[in-house]
C-alpha cells in the first residue's frame, strides 16, 4: 500500500499515562507491532506511583523508537496531552490511550489516507469496544462505523454536537500542524470537553473515515467522575450542564480555527441541543 515516499514521513505517537500498569504493556506491544516503519513513541508519565515507570523504562531500553518522559507532579491529562504533543517531531501525530489496541496496519493505513487526500487533516478507522485489557476478538462488545470522508463540515458538526457518537476522532491520526492549531487552547474545562474539541475540529477541518475496524477501545466500567478528578470537581461545583452549553457556544464562536463564514452554522444545532436539555438546565437552578 505505502509508497517509499509515504514510508519516509515520521509519525509521532504520544501517550499520556498515569498509574495504568495493568494495561499499558498491552497497548505498547500493539503500537510497537505497527507495520509502518517510521514512527516515534513518546510516553509522558504524570508521576505514576505504581509499576508504570518500570514497565515503560523496560520498553524504552529494548526499543529505540520509545522515548519515556517522567514528570514528578501530576499535571492532569489535559495538560499532559498538550505536553506530549509538544514533544512530537513528526509530520503526523496521534494520541494513544494506555489501554487501547491498534491493528498492525492502523498507522500505515491512516498515513496512506492522508497522503492521498490533502483536504483532510485527520483520519480514523472504524472501531470496536472491548472489556479486557488484552485484545481478544471474543471480548469485543460493540463495533462502530462512521462515514465522514465526503460529508460537509456542517453535517459532521451536527453529529458531533449530539454527543451520541464516541469522540473517537480525538485518537485519529492528524497532520501535526493542524492538531497544534486545534489544541493551542487545549480542551475546555467542563463535563465533556472532548465533544467540544470534536465540534471545533469538525468545523475547522475534514474527517477521513477508513472503512475497516482497525482500533479497539477499552470500555472502562468505572464512571467518568471516578476516573477523572477534574470532571468530578466540575459536577460538584454546580450548574454542570449550563456551564457546558455556554462553554461550548463561547469556545466555538471564538475559535481561531473555524473560518468566519462557517460560524453562523454553529448556532442552530447549539440551540437545538440547549432546548433538548432544558429540563436539566432548569433543574440546576431550582
Protein backbone atom coordinates (compact mmCIF):
# COMPACT_ATOMS: atom_id res chain seq x y z
CA UNK A 1 0.00 0.00 0.00
CA UNK A 2 2.57 2.56 1.06
CA UNK A 3 4.98 4.14 -1.36
CA UNK A 4 8.57 4.75 -0.33
CA UNK A 5 7.75 8.44 -0.03
CA UNK A 6 4.94 7.72 2.44
CA UNK A 7 7.23 5.48 4.48
CA UNK A 8 9.62 8.38 5.00
CA UNK A 9 7.05 10.56 6.76
CA UNK A 10 7.71 10.48 10.50
CA UNK A 11 4.68 9.71 12.67
CA UNK A 12 4.74 10.80 16.31
CA UNK A 13 2.62 8.75 18.71
CA UNK A 14 2.02 10.43 22.06
CA UNK A 15 0.81 8.53 25.11
CA UNK A 16 -0.07 10.40 28.31
CA UNK A 17 -0.36 7.94 31.18
CA UNK A 18 -0.62 7.67 34.94
CA UNK A 19 -0.95 4.54 37.07
CA UNK A 20 -2.01 2.20 34.28
CA UNK A 21 0.44 -0.62 34.89
CA UNK A 22 -2.18 -3.37 34.34
CA UNK A 23 -2.97 -2.21 30.80
CA UNK A 24 -0.07 -0.25 29.38
CA UNK A 25 2.10 -3.18 28.32
CA UNK A 26 -0.65 -4.45 26.01
CA UNK A 27 -1.08 -1.01 24.46
CA UNK A 28 2.68 -0.59 23.95
CA UNK A 29 3.06 -4.03 22.38
CA UNK A 30 0.23 -3.19 20.00
CA UNK A 31 1.83 0.10 18.94
CA UNK A 32 5.29 -1.38 18.54
CA UNK A 33 3.84 -4.06 16.25
CA UNK A 34 2.80 -1.49 13.64
CA UNK A 35 3.81 -2.26 10.05
CA UNK A 36 4.52 1.41 9.36
CA UNK A 37 8.31 1.70 9.66
CA UNK A 38 8.96 5.31 10.61
CA UNK A 39 7.45 6.38 13.92
CA UNK A 40 8.43 7.57 17.37
CA UNK A 41 6.50 6.63 20.51
CA UNK A 42 6.60 9.25 23.26
CA UNK A 43 5.32 8.26 26.69
CA UNK A 44 4.65 11.05 29.17
CA UNK A 45 4.12 9.71 32.68
CA UNK A 46 2.28 12.02 35.08
CA UNK A 47 4.03 10.91 38.28
CA UNK A 48 2.79 7.31 38.41
CA UNK A 49 3.02 5.59 41.78
CA UNK A 50 2.53 2.01 40.51
CA UNK A 51 4.74 -0.07 38.17
CA UNK A 52 4.05 2.13 35.12
CA UNK A 53 7.52 3.70 35.25
CA UNK A 54 9.26 0.33 35.44
CA UNK A 55 7.28 -1.08 32.52
CA UNK A 56 7.87 1.97 30.34
CA UNK A 57 11.59 2.07 31.06
CA UNK A 58 11.88 -1.59 30.09
CA UNK A 59 10.17 -0.88 26.75
CA UNK A 60 12.38 2.17 26.14
CA UNK A 61 15.50 0.14 26.86
CA UNK A 62 14.50 -2.57 24.36
CA UNK A 63 13.25 -0.33 21.53
CA UNK A 64 14.89 2.94 20.49
CA UNK A 65 11.61 4.17 18.98
CA UNK A 66 10.30 4.62 22.52
CA UNK A 67 11.04 7.79 24.48
CA UNK A 68 9.93 7.82 28.12
CA UNK A 69 9.45 11.11 29.95
CA UNK A 70 8.50 11.15 33.62
CA UNK A 71 7.07 14.21 35.35
CA UNK A 72 7.41 14.47 39.10
CA UNK A 73 3.99 16.05 39.53
CA UNK A 74 0.60 15.11 38.13
CA UNK A 75 -0.43 17.97 35.86
CA UNK A 76 -3.66 16.34 34.73
CA UNK A 77 -4.29 14.53 31.49
CA UNK A 78 -5.46 17.60 29.53
CA UNK A 79 -2.14 19.35 30.18
CA UNK A 80 -0.24 16.14 29.54
CA UNK A 81 -1.93 15.66 26.16
CA UNK A 82 -0.60 19.10 25.26
CA UNK A 83 2.85 18.40 26.67
CA UNK A 84 3.27 15.14 24.78
CA UNK A 85 2.06 16.83 21.59
CA UNK A 86 4.82 19.42 22.01
CA UNK A 87 7.37 16.61 22.15
CA UNK A 88 6.32 15.23 18.76
CA UNK A 89 8.58 15.86 15.77
CA UNK A 90 6.69 14.05 13.03
CA UNK A 91 4.65 15.40 10.16
CA UNK A 92 1.81 13.31 11.58
CA UNK A 93 0.71 12.88 15.19
CA UNK A 94 -1.74 10.70 17.09
CA UNK A 95 -2.64 10.41 20.75
CA UNK A 96 -2.64 6.84 22.03
CA UNK A 97 -4.60 5.77 25.09
CA UNK A 98 -2.77 3.49 27.50
CA UNK A 99 -5.50 0.83 27.46
CA UNK A 100 -6.40 0.63 23.76
CA UNK A 101 -5.43 -1.65 20.86
CA UNK A 102 -4.44 -0.98 17.25
CA UNK A 103 -4.39 -3.38 14.32
CA UNK A 104 -0.82 -3.73 13.00
CA UNK A 105 -1.74 -1.81 9.83
CA UNK A 106 -3.51 1.06 11.63
CA UNK A 107 -0.81 3.72 11.27
CA UNK A 108 0.10 2.60 7.76
CA UNK A 109 -3.47 2.92 6.52
CA UNK A 110 -4.11 6.26 8.25
CA UNK A 111 -0.95 7.72 6.68
CA UNK A 112 -1.98 6.37 3.29
CA UNK A 113 -5.41 8.01 3.61
CA UNK A 114 -3.99 11.43 4.45
CA UNK A 115 -1.22 11.24 1.87
CA UNK A 116 -3.83 10.65 -0.80
CA UNK A 117 -6.31 13.31 0.33
CA UNK A 118 -4.71 16.64 1.10
CA UNK A 119 -8.02 18.28 2.08
CA UNK A 120 -8.37 16.01 5.14
CA UNK A 121 -6.38 16.73 8.30
CA UNK A 122 -7.37 13.68 10.37
CA UNK A 123 -8.03 10.03 9.54
CA UNK A 124 -9.64 7.39 11.72
CA UNK A 125 -10.85 3.84 11.19
CA UNK A 126 -14.00 2.11 12.37
CA UNK A 127 -13.52 0.83 15.91
CA UNK A 128 -14.74 -1.65 18.48
CA UNK A 129 -15.19 -1.69 22.23
CA UNK A 130 -13.90 -4.44 24.49
CA UNK A 131 -13.90 -5.25 28.20
CA UNK A 132 -10.42 -6.73 28.67
CA UNK A 133 -7.02 -5.03 28.61
CA UNK A 134 -5.55 -7.67 26.32
CA UNK A 135 -7.21 -7.64 22.91
CA UNK A 136 -9.26 -10.72 22.15
CA UNK A 137 -11.98 -10.81 19.46
CA UNK A 138 -14.22 -12.60 21.95
CA UNK A 139 -14.05 -9.62 24.32
CA UNK A 140 -15.42 -7.21 21.70
CA UNK A 141 -18.87 -5.97 22.70
CA UNK A 142 -19.70 -3.38 20.04
CA UNK A 143 -18.48 -2.27 16.62
CA UNK A 144 -18.90 1.33 15.50
CA UNK A 145 -18.76 2.59 11.93
CA UNK A 146 -18.67 6.12 10.57
CA UNK A 147 -18.61 7.70 7.13
CA UNK A 148 -17.42 11.30 7.19
CA UNK A 149 -15.00 11.33 4.27
CA UNK A 150 -17.33 13.08 1.84
CA UNK A 151 -19.57 14.80 4.39
CA UNK A 152 -19.60 18.57 4.64
CA UNK A 153 -18.43 20.31 7.79
CA UNK A 154 -21.92 21.25 8.95
CA UNK A 155 -23.22 17.68 8.73
CA UNK A 156 -20.25 16.33 10.70
CA UNK A 157 -20.68 19.08 13.31
CA UNK A 158 -24.36 18.17 13.73
CA UNK A 159 -23.33 14.59 14.50
CA UNK A 160 -20.57 15.60 16.91
CA UNK A 161 -22.66 18.06 18.93
CA UNK A 162 -25.23 15.40 19.84
CA UNK A 163 -22.52 13.58 21.83
CA UNK A 164 -24.14 10.29 20.86
CA UNK A 165 -21.10 9.21 18.90
CA UNK A 166 -17.87 8.34 20.65
CA UNK A 167 -15.36 11.21 20.24
CA UNK A 168 -13.12 8.71 18.52
CA UNK A 169 -11.54 11.19 16.13
CA UNK A 170 -9.63 12.62 19.09
CA UNK A 171 -7.50 9.49 18.72
CA UNK A 172 -7.19 9.67 14.94
CA UNK A 173 -4.01 10.41 13.01
CA UNK A 174 -3.61 14.15 12.46
CA UNK A 175 -1.40 16.35 10.42
CA UNK A 176 0.63 17.68 13.33
CA UNK A 177 0.48 21.29 12.16
CA UNK A 178 -3.33 21.18 12.10
CA UNK A 179 -3.51 19.49 15.52
CA UNK A 180 -1.16 22.07 17.05
CA UNK A 181 -3.61 24.77 16.00
CA UNK A 182 -6.63 22.87 17.30
CA UNK A 183 -5.04 22.10 20.67
CA UNK A 184 -3.50 25.52 21.23
CA UNK A 185 -6.32 26.29 23.68
CA UNK A 186 -6.29 22.65 24.86
CA UNK A 187 -9.69 21.24 25.90
CA UNK A 188 -12.25 23.37 27.75
CA UNK A 189 -12.75 22.63 31.43
CA UNK A 190 -16.29 21.27 31.53
CA UNK A 191 -18.14 17.95 31.72
CA UNK A 192 -17.50 16.99 28.08
CA UNK A 193 -14.57 18.88 26.60
CA UNK A 194 -13.88 16.10 24.11
CA UNK A 195 -17.19 16.70 22.36
CA UNK A 196 -16.42 20.42 22.14
CA UNK A 197 -12.98 19.64 20.71
CA UNK A 198 -14.56 17.38 18.09
CA UNK A 199 -17.15 20.03 17.23
CA UNK A 200 -14.38 22.56 16.63
CA UNK A 201 -12.40 20.06 14.57
CA UNK A 202 -15.49 19.22 12.50
CA UNK A 203 -15.99 22.87 11.57
CA UNK A 204 -12.29 23.63 11.14
CA UNK A 205 -11.14 20.71 9.02
CA UNK A 206 -12.27 17.50 7.30
CA UNK A 207 -12.52 13.98 8.76
CA UNK A 208 -11.44 10.94 6.74
CA UNK A 209 -13.14 7.64 7.61
CA UNK A 210 -11.16 4.49 6.84
CA UNK A 211 -13.82 1.74 6.42
CA UNK A 212 -12.10 -1.02 8.40
CA UNK A 213 -12.16 -1.93 12.09
CA UNK A 214 -8.54 -1.25 12.99
CA UNK A 215 -8.87 0.14 16.51
CA UNK A 216 -10.37 -1.11 19.76
CA UNK A 217 -11.21 0.98 22.81
CA UNK A 218 -11.24 -0.45 26.31
CA UNK A 219 -14.66 0.12 27.87
CA UNK A 220 -13.86 1.19 31.40
CA UNK A 221 -16.57 0.08 33.86
CA UNK A 222 -15.80 2.96 36.24
CA UNK A 223 -17.86 6.16 35.92
CA UNK A 224 -16.01 9.05 34.33
CA UNK A 225 -16.18 11.06 37.55
CA UNK A 226 -14.23 8.32 39.32
CA UNK A 227 -11.57 8.23 36.62
CA UNK A 228 -11.07 11.97 36.16
CA UNK A 229 -10.90 14.22 39.19
CA UNK A 230 -11.39 17.44 37.23
CA UNK A 231 -14.71 16.21 35.80
CA UNK A 232 -15.84 15.21 39.29
CA UNK A 233 -15.00 18.71 40.52
CA UNK A 234 -16.91 20.25 37.62
CA UNK A 235 -20.06 18.40 38.68
CA UNK A 236 -19.51 19.28 42.33
CA UNK A 237 -19.07 22.99 41.51
CA UNK A 238 -22.67 23.16 40.32
CA UNK A 239 -24.52 24.01 37.12
CA UNK A 240 -22.55 21.47 35.04
CA UNK A 241 -24.99 21.30 32.12
CA UNK A 242 -25.47 25.06 31.94
CA UNK A 243 -21.72 25.68 32.04
CA UNK A 244 -21.16 23.01 29.39
CA UNK A 245 -23.58 24.58 26.93
CA UNK A 246 -22.30 28.12 27.50
CA UNK A 247 -18.69 26.96 27.26
CA UNK A 248 -19.42 25.16 24.00
CA UNK A 249 -21.01 28.21 22.39
CA UNK A 250 -18.26 30.57 23.51
CA UNK A 251 -15.49 28.13 22.58
CA UNK A 252 -16.75 27.60 19.04
CA UNK A 253 -17.66 31.21 18.30
CA UNK A 254 -14.23 32.43 19.42
CA UNK A 255 -12.31 29.65 17.68
CA UNK A 256 -9.40 30.94 15.59
CA UNK A 257 -9.56 27.71 13.57
CA UNK A 258 -13.14 27.85 12.30
CA UNK A 259 -13.50 30.08 9.22
CA UNK A 260 -15.76 33.08 9.78
CA UNK A 261 -18.16 32.01 7.03
CA UNK A 262 -18.85 28.74 8.91
CA UNK A 263 -19.54 30.34 12.29
CA UNK A 264 -23.23 31.06 11.55
CA UNK A 265 -23.64 27.26 11.30
CA UNK A 266 -22.70 26.93 14.97
CA UNK A 267 -25.85 28.39 16.48
CA UNK A 268 -28.83 26.37 15.11
CA UNK A 269 -27.59 22.93 16.29
CA UNK A 270 -26.50 24.50 19.57
CA UNK A 271 -29.97 25.96 20.15
CA UNK A 272 -31.47 22.56 19.40
CA UNK A 273 -29.16 20.93 21.94
CA UNK A 274 -29.96 23.58 24.56
CA UNK A 275 -33.68 23.07 24.04
CA UNK A 276 -33.30 19.31 24.32
CA UNK A 277 -31.55 19.75 27.68
CA UNK A 278 -33.87 22.45 29.01
CA UNK A 279 -35.12 20.31 31.91
CA UNK A 280 -31.59 19.58 33.10
CA UNK A 281 -30.79 23.28 32.94
CA UNK A 282 -33.93 24.29 34.83
CA UNK A 283 -33.28 21.66 37.50
CA UNK A 284 -29.85 23.19 38.13
CA UNK A 285 -31.50 26.45 39.16
CA UNK A 286 -34.38 25.15 41.27
